[in-house]
PDB file of N, CA and C in Angstrom:
ATOM      1  N   MET A   1     -26.853 -23.900  19.910  1.00  0.00           N
ATOM      2  CA  MET A   1     -25.943 -22.834  19.985  1.00  0.00           C
ATOM      3  C   MET A   1     -26.720 -21.571  19.379  1.00  0.00           C
ATOM      4  N   SER A   2     -26.649 -20.529  20.101  1.00  0.00           N
ATOM      5  CA  SER A   2     -27.345 -19.315  19.668  1.00  0.00           C
ATOM      6  C   SER A   2     -26.538 -18.605  18.565  1.00  0.00           C
ATOM      7  N   ASN A   3     -27.272 -17.831  17.778  1.00  0.00           N
ATOM      8  CA  ASN A   3     -26.610 -17.174  16.655  1.00  0.00           C
ATOM      9  C   ASN A   3     -25.655 -16.125  17.149  1.00  0.00           C
ATOM     10  N   GLN A   4     -25.969 -15.449  18.241  1.00  0.00           N
ATOM     11  CA  GLN A   4     -24.926 -14.393  18.753  1.00  0.00           C
ATOM     12  C   GLN A   4     -23.690 -15.078  19.237  1.00  0.00           C
ATOM     13  N   ARG A   5     -23.780 -16.222  19.883  1.00  0.00           N
ATOM     14  CA  ARG A   5     -22.632 -16.915  20.362  1.00  0.00           C
ATOM     15  C   ARG A   5     -21.771 -17.419  19.236  1.00  0.00           C
ATOM     16  N   HIS A   6     -22.481 -17.909  18.160  1.00  0.00           N
ATOM     17  CA  HIS A   6     -21.737 -18.393  16.962  1.00  0.00           C
ATOM     18  C   HIS A   6     -20.996 -17.245  16.276  1.00  0.00           C
ATOM     19  N   THR A   7     -21.596 -16.029  16.171  1.00  0.00           N
ATOM     20  CA  THR A   7     -20.926 -14.869  15.677  1.00  0.00           C
ATOM     21  C   THR A   7     -19.650 -14.457  16.516  1.00  0.00           C
ATOM     22  N   THR A   8     -19.837 -14.556  17.810  1.00  0.00           N
ATOM     23  CA  THR A   8     -18.726 -14.149  18.751  1.00  0.00           C
ATOM     24  C   THR A   8     -17.605 -15.126  18.574  1.00  0.00           C
ATOM     25  N   ILE A   9     -17.804 -16.401  18.450  1.00  0.00           N
ATOM     26  CA  ILE A   9     -16.787 -17.400  18.282  1.00  0.00           C
ATOM     27  C   ILE A   9     -16.112 -17.176  16.939  1.00  0.00           C
ATOM     28  N   ARG A  10     -16.888 -16.861  15.908  1.00  0.00           N
ATOM     29  CA  ARG A  10     -16.272 -16.632  14.569  1.00  0.00           C
ATOM     30  C   ARG A  10     -15.455 -15.394  14.568  1.00  0.00           C
ATOM     31  N   ALA A  11     -15.853 -14.354  15.225  1.00  0.00           N
ATOM     32  CA  ALA A  11     -15.089 -13.095  15.392  1.00  0.00           C
ATOM     33  C   ALA A  11     -13.832 -13.377  16.120  1.00  0.00           C
ATOM     34  N   ALA A  12     -13.866 -14.097  17.210  1.00  0.00           N
ATOM     35  CA  ALA A  12     -12.736 -14.372  17.994  1.00  0.00           C
ATOM     36  C   ALA A  12     -11.645 -15.268  17.170  1.00  0.00           C
ATOM     37  N   LEU A  13     -12.166 -16.214  16.486  1.00  0.00           N
ATOM     38  CA  LEU A  13     -11.323 -17.082  15.624  1.00  0.00           C
ATOM     39  C   LEU A  13     -10.690 -16.153  14.559  1.00  0.00           C
ATOM     40  N   THR A  14     -11.364 -15.272  13.945  1.00  0.00           N
ATOM     41  CA  THR A  14     -10.811 -14.376  12.869  1.00  0.00           C
ATOM     42  C   THR A  14      -9.757 -13.537  13.491  1.00  0.00           C
ATOM     43  N   ALA A  15     -10.074 -12.951  14.613  1.00  0.00           N
ATOM     44  CA  ALA A  15      -9.138 -12.066  15.207  1.00  0.00           C
ATOM     45  C   ALA A  15      -7.831 -12.827  15.711  1.00  0.00           C
ATOM     46  N   GLY A  16      -8.025 -14.024  16.167  1.00  0.00           N
ATOM     47  CA  GLY A  16      -6.870 -14.873  16.536  1.00  0.00           C
ATOM     48  C   GLY A  16      -6.055 -15.187  15.390  1.00  0.00           C
ATOM     49  N   LEU A  17      -6.660 -15.550  14.280  1.00  0.00           N
ATOM     50  CA  LEU A  17      -5.799 -15.940  13.054  1.00  0.00           C
ATOM     51  C   LEU A  17      -5.139 -14.710  12.567  1.00  0.00           C
ATOM     52  N   PHE A  18      -5.789 -13.556  12.612  1.00  0.00           N
ATOM     53  CA  PHE A  18      -5.170 -12.335  12.154  1.00  0.00           C
ATOM     54  C   PHE A  18      -3.966 -11.930  13.100  1.00  0.00           C
ATOM     55  N   MET A  19      -4.083 -12.057  14.383  1.00  0.00           N
ATOM     56  CA  MET A  19      -2.982 -11.863  15.178  1.00  0.00           C
ATOM     57  C   MET A  19      -1.845 -12.797  14.980  1.00  0.00           C
ATOM     58  N   LEU A  20      -2.151 -14.051  14.786  1.00  0.00           N
ATOM     59  CA  LEU A  20      -1.102 -15.139  14.493  1.00  0.00           C
ATOM     60  C   LEU A  20      -0.322 -14.658  13.165  1.00  0.00           C
ATOM     61  N   TRP A  21      -1.032 -14.255  12.207  1.00  0.00           N
ATOM     62  CA  TRP A  21      -0.491 -13.763  10.939  1.00  0.00           C
ATOM     63  C   TRP A  21       0.434 -12.557  11.148  1.00  0.00           C
ATOM     64  N   LEU A  22       0.006 -11.565  12.072  1.00  0.00           N
ATOM     65  CA  LEU A  22       0.820 -10.445  12.301  1.00  0.00           C
ATOM     66  C   LEU A  22       2.093 -10.816  13.062  1.00  0.00           C
ATOM     67  N   VAL A  23       2.015 -11.707  14.016  1.00  0.00           N
ATOM     68  CA  VAL A  23       3.190 -12.234  14.762  1.00  0.00           C
ATOM     69  C   VAL A  23       4.152 -12.989  13.822  1.00  0.00           C
ATOM     70  N   ALA A  24       3.647 -13.790  12.897  1.00  0.00           N
ATOM     71  CA  ALA A  24       4.424 -14.460  11.898  1.00  0.00           C
ATOM     72  C   ALA A  24       5.246 -13.476  11.029  1.00  0.00           C
ATOM     73  N   ILE A  25       4.510 -12.474  10.584  1.00  0.00           N
ATOM     74  CA  ILE A  25       5.221 -11.417   9.703  1.00  0.00           C
ATOM     75  C   ILE A  25       6.227 -10.647  10.562  1.00  0.00           C
ATOM     76  N   GLY A  26       5.969 -10.337  11.779  1.00  0.00           N
ATOM     77  CA  GLY A  26       6.933  -9.632  12.685  1.00  0.00           C
ATOM     78  C   GLY A  26       8.066 -10.514  12.987  1.00  0.00           C
ATOM     79  N   ALA A  27       7.926 -11.820  13.161  1.00  0.00           N
ATOM     80  CA  ALA A  27       8.999 -12.706  13.478  1.00  0.00           C
ATOM     81  C   ALA A  27       9.938 -12.787  12.170  1.00  0.00           C
ATOM     82  N   ARG A  28       9.306 -12.931  11.056  1.00  0.00           N
ATOM     83  CA  ARG A  28      10.089 -13.009   9.833  1.00  0.00           C
ATOM     84  C   ARG A  28      10.878 -11.686   9.630  1.00  0.00           C
ATOM     85  N   ALA A  29      10.229 -10.564   9.801  1.00  0.00           N
ATOM     86  CA  ALA A  29      10.929  -9.287   9.646  1.00  0.00           C
ATOM     87  C   ALA A  29      12.126  -9.136  10.646  1.00  0.00           C
ATOM     88  N   GLY A  30      11.895  -9.622  11.866  1.00  0.00           N
ATOM     89  CA  GLY A  30      12.925  -9.581  12.841  1.00  0.00           C
ATOM     90  C   GLY A  30      14.077 -10.542  12.554  1.00  0.00           C
ATOM     91  N   TYR A  31      13.797 -11.648  12.010  1.00  0.00           N
ATOM     92  CA  TYR A  31      14.789 -12.644  11.642  1.00  0.00           C
ATOM     93  C   TYR A  31      15.694 -12.061  10.513  1.00  0.00           C
ATOM     94  N   LEU A  32      15.017 -11.410   9.484  1.00  0.00           N
ATOM     95  CA  LEU A  32      15.742 -10.823   8.410  1.00  0.00           C
ATOM     96  C   LEU A  32      16.585  -9.685   8.840  1.00  0.00           C
ATOM     97  N   GLN A  33      16.153  -8.848   9.819  1.00  0.00           N
ATOM     98  CA  GLN A  33      16.895  -7.761  10.285  1.00  0.00           C
ATOM     99  C   GLN A  33      18.042  -8.156  11.172  1.00  0.00           C
ATOM    100  N   LEU A  34      17.849  -9.115  11.960  1.00  0.00           N
ATOM    101  CA  LEU A  34      18.911  -9.477  13.011  1.00  0.00           C
ATOM    102  C   LEU A  34      19.896 -10.513  12.431  1.00  0.00           C
ATOM    103  N   PHE A  35      19.455 -11.481  11.639  1.00  0.00           N
ATOM    104  CA  PHE A  35      20.398 -12.502  11.297  1.00  0.00           C
ATOM    105  C   PHE A  35      20.837 -12.493   9.819  1.00  0.00           C
ATOM    106  N   LYS A  36      20.016 -12.017   8.960  1.00  0.00           N
ATOM    107  CA  LYS A  36      20.340 -11.976   7.470  1.00  0.00           C
ATOM    108  C   LYS A  36      20.742 -10.648   6.911  1.00  0.00           C
ATOM    109  N   ALA A  37      20.863  -9.619   7.791  1.00  0.00           N
ATOM    110  CA  ALA A  37      21.195  -8.305   7.310  1.00  0.00           C
ATOM    111  C   ALA A  37      22.535  -8.201   6.519  1.00  0.00           C
ATOM    112  N   PRO A  38      23.618  -8.721   6.952  1.00  0.00           N
ATOM    113  CA  PRO A  38      24.844  -8.706   6.208  1.00  0.00           C
ATOM    114  C   PRO A  38      24.674  -9.342   4.825  1.00  0.00           C
ATOM    115  N   TRP A  39      24.121 -10.529   4.769  1.00  0.00           N
ATOM    116  CA  TRP A  39      23.944 -11.200   3.533  1.00  0.00           C
ATOM    117  C   TRP A  39      23.070 -10.459   2.547  1.00  0.00           C
ATOM    118  N   LEU A  40      21.985  -9.872   3.113  1.00  0.00           N
ATOM    119  CA  LEU A  40      21.031  -9.072   2.260  1.00  0.00           C
ATOM    120  C   LEU A  40      21.750  -7.778   1.720  1.00  0.00           C
ATOM    121  N   SER A  41      22.593  -7.226   2.540  1.00  0.00           N
ATOM    122  CA  SER A  41      23.253  -5.972   2.173  1.00  0.00           C
ATOM    123  C   SER A  41      24.195  -6.314   1.003  1.00  0.00           C
ATOM    124  N   GLN A  42      24.930  -7.424   1.206  1.00  0.00           N
ATOM    125  CA  GLN A  42      25.885  -7.806   0.127  1.00  0.00           C
ATOM    126  C   GLN A  42      25.170  -8.164  -1.149  1.00  0.00           C
ATOM    127  N   LYS A  43      24.017  -8.843  -1.089  1.00  0.00           N
ATOM    128  CA  LYS A  43      23.299  -9.243  -2.231  1.00  0.00           C
ATOM    129  C   LYS A  43      22.683  -7.989  -2.951  1.00  0.00           C
ATOM    130  N   ALA A  44      22.305  -6.883  -2.181  1.00  0.00           N
ATOM    131  CA  ALA A  44      21.699  -5.743  -2.732  1.00  0.00           C
ATOM    132  C   ALA A  44      22.794  -4.989  -3.443  1.00  0.00           C
ATOM    133  N   SER A  45      24.031  -4.915  -2.862  1.00  0.00           N
ATOM    134  CA  SER A  45      25.120  -4.080  -3.460  1.00  0.00           C
ATOM    135  C   SER A  45      25.543  -4.787  -4.810  1.00  0.00           C
ATOM    136  N   VAL A  46      25.524  -6.138  -4.827  1.00  0.00           N
ATOM    137  CA  VAL A  46      25.893  -6.774  -6.061  1.00  0.00           C
ATOM    138  C   VAL A  46      24.812  -6.502  -7.166  1.00  0.00           C
ATOM    139  N   GLN A  47      23.511  -6.427  -6.801  1.00  0.00           N
ATOM    140  CA  GLN A  47      22.536  -6.129  -7.804  1.00  0.00           C
ATOM    141  C   GLN A  47      22.565  -4.570  -8.293  1.00  0.00           C
ATOM    142  N   TYR A  48      22.882  -3.780  -7.277  1.00  0.00           N
ATOM    143  CA  TYR A  48      22.831  -2.348  -7.573  1.00  0.00           C
ATOM    144  C   TYR A  48      24.098  -1.795  -8.253  1.00  0.00           C
ATOM    145  N   GLU A  49      25.209  -2.290  -7.820  1.00  0.00           N
ATOM    146  CA  GLU A  49      26.475  -1.698  -8.313  1.00  0.00           C
ATOM    147  C   GLU A  49      27.097  -2.601  -9.334  1.00  0.00           C
ATOM    148  N   ARG A  50      27.170  -2.184 -10.577  1.00  0.00           N
ATOM    149  CA  ARG A  50      27.872  -2.958 -11.575  1.00  0.00           C
ATOM    150  C   ARG A  50      28.324  -1.985 -12.632  1.00  0.00           C
ATOM    151  N   GLU A  51      29.459  -2.367 -13.243  1.00  0.00           N
ATOM    152  CA  GLU A  51      30.072  -1.477 -14.289  1.00  0.00           C
ATOM    153  C   GLU A  51      29.610  -1.915 -15.606  1.00  0.00           C
ATOM    154  N   MET A  52      29.183  -0.918 -16.349  1.00  0.00           N
ATOM    155  CA  MET A  52      28.664  -1.210 -17.769  1.00  0.00           C
ATOM    156  C   MET A  52      29.258  -0.144 -18.702  1.00  0.00           C
ATOM    157  N   THR A  53      29.608  -0.566 -19.940  1.00  0.00           N
ATOM    158  CA  THR A  53      30.010   0.352 -20.900  1.00  0.00           C
ATOM    159  C   THR A  53      28.912   0.478 -21.895  1.00  0.00           C
ATOM    160  N   LEU A  54      28.311   1.628 -22.038  1.00  0.00           N
ATOM    161  CA  LEU A  54      27.261   1.838 -22.996  1.00  0.00           C
ATOM    162  C   LEU A  54      27.784   2.656 -24.146  1.00  0.00           C
ATOM    163  N   ARG A  55      27.594   2.221 -25.328  1.00  0.00           N
ATOM    164  CA  ARG A  55      27.916   2.953 -26.540  1.00  0.00           C
ATOM    165  C   ARG A  55      26.654   3.451 -27.219  1.00  0.00           C
ATOM    166  N   ALA A  56      26.235   4.606 -26.736  1.00  0.00           N
ATOM    167  CA  ALA A  56      25.010   5.180 -27.234  1.00  0.00           C
ATOM    168  C   ALA A  56      25.239   6.039 -28.470  1.00  0.00           C
ATOM    169  N   LYS A  57      24.393   5.943 -29.383  1.00  0.00           N
ATOM    170  CA  LYS A  57      24.437   6.746 -30.645  1.00  0.00           C
ATOM    171  C   LYS A  57      23.575   7.977 -30.343  1.00  0.00           C
ATOM    172  N   ARG A  58      24.220   9.101 -30.469  1.00  0.00           N
ATOM    173  CA  ARG A  58      23.503  10.363 -30.262  1.00  0.00           C
ATOM    174  C   ARG A  58      22.869  10.723 -31.544  1.00  0.00           C
ATOM    175  N   GLY A  59      21.937  11.500 -31.503  1.00  0.00           N
ATOM    176  CA  GLY A  59      21.242  12.055 -32.755  1.00  0.00           C
ATOM    177  C   GLY A  59      22.083  13.120 -33.450  1.00  0.00           C
ATOM    178  N   ASP A  60      21.872  13.235 -34.725  1.00  0.00           N
ATOM    179  CA  ASP A  60      22.529  14.244 -35.481  1.00  0.00           C
ATOM    180  C   ASP A  60      21.846  15.585 -35.223  1.00  0.00           C
ATOM    181  N   ILE A  61      22.547  16.687 -35.441  1.00  0.00           N
ATOM    182  CA  ILE A  61      21.907  18.028 -35.355  1.00  0.00           C
ATOM    183  C   ILE A  61      22.035  18.666 -36.731  1.00  0.00           C
ATOM    184  N   TYR A  62      20.775  19.143 -37.138  1.00  0.00           N
ATOM    185  CA  TYR A  62      20.623  19.686 -38.465  1.00  0.00           C
ATOM    186  C   TYR A  62      20.206  21.142 -38.395  1.00  0.00           C
ATOM    187  N   ASP A  63      20.564  21.971 -39.371  1.00  0.00           N
ATOM    188  CA  ASP A  63      20.029  23.328 -39.394  1.00  0.00           C
ATOM    189  C   ASP A  63      18.726  23.363 -40.150  1.00  0.00           C
ATOM    190  N   ARG A  64      18.175  24.566 -40.307  1.00  0.00           N
ATOM    191  CA  ARG A  64      16.853  24.674 -40.912  1.00  0.00           C
ATOM    192  C   ARG A  64      16.763  24.246 -42.415  1.00  0.00           C
ATOM    193  N   HIS A  65      17.944  24.137 -43.100  1.00  0.00           N
ATOM    194  CA  HIS A  65      17.941  23.642 -44.437  1.00  0.00           C
ATOM    195  C   HIS A  65      18.312  22.138 -44.479  1.00  0.00           C
ATOM    196  N   HIS A  66      18.287  21.497 -43.356  1.00  0.00           N
ATOM    197  CA  HIS A  66      18.572  20.112 -43.241  1.00  0.00           C
ATOM    198  C   HIS A  66      19.969  19.655 -43.614  1.00  0.00           C
ATOM    199  N   GLU A  67      20.906  20.561 -43.327  1.00  0.00           N
ATOM    200  CA  GLU A  67      22.275  20.291 -43.437  1.00  0.00           C
ATOM    201  C   GLU A  67      22.885  19.957 -42.105  1.00  0.00           C
ATOM    202  N   ALA A  68      23.684  18.899 -42.043  1.00  0.00           N
ATOM    203  CA  ALA A  68      24.228  18.385 -40.776  1.00  0.00           C
ATOM    204  C   ALA A  68      25.193  19.345 -40.153  1.00  0.00           C
ATOM    205  N   LEU A  69      24.894  19.822 -38.977  1.00  0.00           N
ATOM    206  CA  LEU A  69      25.754  20.702 -38.192  1.00  0.00           C
ATOM    207  C   LEU A  69      26.748  19.870 -37.306  1.00  0.00           C
ATOM    208  N   ALA A  70      26.160  18.798 -36.729  1.00  0.00           N
ATOM    209  CA  ALA A  70      26.909  17.910 -35.859  1.00  0.00           C
ATOM    210  C   ALA A  70      26.405  16.451 -36.030  1.00  0.00           C
ATOM    211  N   VAL A  71      27.343  15.579 -36.199  1.00  0.00           N
ATOM    212  CA  VAL A  71      26.961  14.166 -36.512  1.00  0.00           C
ATOM    213  C   VAL A  71      27.638  13.326 -35.379  1.00  0.00           C
ATOM    214  N   SER A  72      26.985  12.202 -35.101  1.00  0.00           N
ATOM    215  CA  SER A  72      27.409  11.266 -34.093  1.00  0.00           C
ATOM    216  C   SER A  72      28.599  10.308 -34.722  1.00  0.00           C
ATOM    217  N   ILE A  73      29.619  10.105 -33.958  1.00  0.00           N
ATOM    218  CA  ILE A  73      30.638   9.210 -34.376  1.00  0.00           C
ATOM    219  C   ILE A  73      30.829   8.119 -33.365  1.00  0.00           C
ATOM    220  N   GLU A  74      31.303   6.944 -33.789  1.00  0.00           N
ATOM    221  CA  GLU A  74      31.564   5.906 -32.834  1.00  0.00           C
ATOM    222  C   GLU A  74      32.855   6.243 -32.020  1.00  0.00           C
ATOM    223  N   SER A  75      32.752   5.925 -30.724  1.00  0.00           N
ATOM    224  CA  SER A  75      33.967   6.151 -29.865  1.00  0.00           C
ATOM    225  C   SER A  75      34.363   4.774 -29.394  1.00  0.00           C
ATOM    226  N   THR A  76      35.633   4.776 -28.938  1.00  0.00           N
ATOM    227  CA  THR A  76      36.218   3.458 -28.494  1.00  0.00           C
ATOM    228  C   THR A  76      36.495   3.574 -26.969  1.00  0.00           C
TER     229      THR A  76
END
């Protein structure tokens, strides 16, 4: 087998595998868009939307003589 023919076969095999990989990715994307869209939307909204109560402590505000002008208090 000549070197040029061997290179041509290798290039064709690589291109074929690459095309097969692209078709597989396209098929998976189509499956997710057509059949799993409602489930994925529901799952995304559960992850994104949640109610949280944060009790953050704000920093105190001082004047130039280091006397407190405003202090943070706990809220309920």
